[in-house]
Amino acid sequence: MPITDPFEDFGDVAELARGLDDADPAVRRVAVLALAETADPDAVPPLAR
């Protein structure tokens, strides 16, 4: 089971990007991986900040 499975149902980049602001580093890591897996160009700005 991939680490990003909890995010598989969320195709929404904005929803995934909210995980980048979480206090838990593990949640932020999963959010980064999930955003990268979307291959959506809209995921680049949240990842770049």
Foldseek 3Di string as FASTA:
>chain_A
DDPLVVCPVPLDLVVLLVQCPDPDVSSNVSSVVVLVVSVDPVNVVSVVD
